Structures are given as C-alpha cells and as structure tokens.
C-alpha cells in the first residue's frame, strides 16, 4: 500500500535520505513513473523528477563513473529527454543491442555521495564576519607566538567563543598565514640519542620505588619529584628541578655541575628558604632520579628534614623516567624558553634567568588545574610556605597577557640587564 504523504504544513522540508534514494533506484529499474515513486516516498513528484535529473551519471562514451550527464541530449535516446531521463528500467540498459549514446543511469550510492559533497561545500568557510574573524585570528597568532597552546589560547580568551579544535583546524587550513610550525608540539620532536646507561646511584632498599608504591595513593599523589636538566655538551652547569605533583609547580635552581656536591648545594638553598621546620612541612615525600648526582642519600634526606624512623626520600628505578613523569613532562615547559640544540649555554645562566623562566612556566595556565596557574595553586595549597619559596627564588605570578614562553623572553631580559645572549 502506498504511503500517504504529509502536507508541507505537517512537516518541514528535508533532504532525501539514502534509503529513499535506494527506493528511487529500485522503482526506476521496475519502470515506475515519477508520481508513483513520489506517492511511495511521501514526496512531491517534482522532488523525485529533480533528484533523478540532477544526479544522473554517464557511463558511455566515458569510461569512468562520476561524469554528470551532458546538457545537450539531442540525437540521444528519447528516454533521456523526458521521464525517466536515464537508462534505468530499459531492457537494453546494459548496451546489448543499443547503439545510442550517451548512456546515462541513476545510482543511489553515487547520488548520495554527490548530495553529501554539495552539503559539505555549502558549509565551507567560517560562519563569521570578516572583522570578527580577523580579531580572533590576531588573538590566536599572538598566543601561539608566545608559546601558548590552542587549549590555553581559548581558555585565556573565552570571548572568542571557539574551541581548541577550531584553532587547530584554522591553523591547519593556513588562515592568517599560520602553519603547523606554529604548534610546538607538532614539530618539537626528533629522534633521541641513545647513549650508554648511567651507573645508578646506590641506595637503601627502604628507599626503592617498590617501597614508594606501597604507600597509600593519596600520600604518593602529594609527593615532589626531583631531577636535573642539562644544557649543551660543553656546559657543566645544570638546573636542579623540584616538581610538586598536586599543583604542577616546578622549581628550577641553577647548580654548578652534575656532581652530588652541587645537588646538595641546590637543595640547601631550598632548605635555607623554608627553614628546618618549613622544609619538613613542605617536602614530606620526594621521589628522585637515580643519577649519580643524588648518590648521597643520607645528606639529601637530612636536608629534606628526614628524622630517624621515617623515610622521606625514594629513588626511581634506573631508566624509568615514567616513574617521575610529571617532572619529565614539565621539563618540556622549561625547554620552551631554554630549547635544547640551539646553543643555549647553561654556564651563562644566572639566578635572574632562572627566576624569569620559573615565573613564566609557573604562571602558565594548565588544563589539569582548571586553567589556573601552578604558582597560584601552590599559594593556595602551601600558604606562607609557598610564598616563602616564591620570594626566595624570585618567582612571580605574571598576568596572563604578559606570558611569553619563547627564548625571546629570556634574551630580552638579559639585554635589558646588559648581559650577553645565552646562545653563541
């Protein structure tokens, strides 16, 4: 029984579906008329006739599908000049005994593909005015040029009303001459050098990572992670880094070299900033790298305020950077300002340089913190102890519009102080 079509007032116009196009093709093959097909679909006869006329395709004389039917059909088969306007339903459709060309047919699959392409094409471009797009692209370019990610750009500028995926699409499309080279994470990777593994630092069994993992999860989540960051191969100076898991805050203290004495000197500066009781309150648990610079476990534990009968210092397993993944991950933020492989000399780093790097990195909004800054979170969690750490190492909570996570930031500051560039 034929379906009873709804009037225009009962339903709004909608595009033909793949199911309806399948029905059109099937009924054309059976020789049905446009009105009969329209009654079956609940559509108007003009909709069916226009669908077939618009989405016919030529198979001969062309050898490839996808060529639309030519406008001039004079001299062709009469079926192509009036309904059904295609070879569907013709007994000689496949060409047996038919010498008339062109041969035109209707295919539901190809008609659906053509309709989808029309829909996509109609939605190309940006649904904005030229002025509003220019303003948003200018904001995005400014954020990317300062080392911010698309996620951070949209979080800092909610007035743009776009998502991070939209920023990625606009960059990929090349709007405002932006390219994927502006996205640091897309171009910042290269094959790593595989050197001989360093000799692990000896430590007591009670300080192993297995013992660390036996602690309650909430206790482990409050730990600090400790490591060092190296500069050029010719440099001896390093950065001693301390990363706070709950707040993503990271200290970066310049030390003279990679010896244990230099690491102890750097940790001693942190102890001096907080005092004996302060360092006990703040550094209740520390997971450190297994390098030789941290070999003197007793001295390090003493500087962290460890007393007899307790264990505050734990060592990660050799070649297991993932066991202190937060610290390693945050080194990428430091490398934005002090990139590796660009001749940055750590031997020239000053306390002022380190303070600027820490201020920029710890003022950067983080998605995991609800786009709040690590320095802001540290003050909220540690209070006066957090303020003492910031003041002792010159870390400032910067305005978001003042963030510049690029090497230019450090070089400008050094030039303002009359110092030579970090890079040769």
Foldseek 3Di string as FASTA:
>chain_A
DFAAADDCVVDPDDDDDLVLLVLLLVVLLQVDALCRSCRNVSHDSVNSQCLQQVAKWWCPPDPDTDHHDDPDQPPADPCLVDPPNALRNPPCLVPVVDPGDGHIGHDSVSSVVVVVVVVVVVPPDDPDDPVLVVVLVVQLVLCLQLPHQLQLSCVVCVVNVDHSVVVVVCQVVCPPNHHCVSHCVVPVDDDDDDDDFADFADDDPCQEVVVVVPDDPVVNQQAKEWDWADADPPAFKIWIWIAGRVLRAIATHIFRGLALVRVLVRLLLLCVLQPLVRLCVRQQAYEYERHNNCNPVVSSCVSSNDDPPDDRHHYYDGPCCVSVVSRVVLVVLLCQQVPHPQQQHSNPDDLVLSQVSSQQSQLAQDVVVVGGGSLVVQCVVSPPSSVSSCVSSVHDNDDPSPHRSHNVVSQVVCVVVVHDGRGD
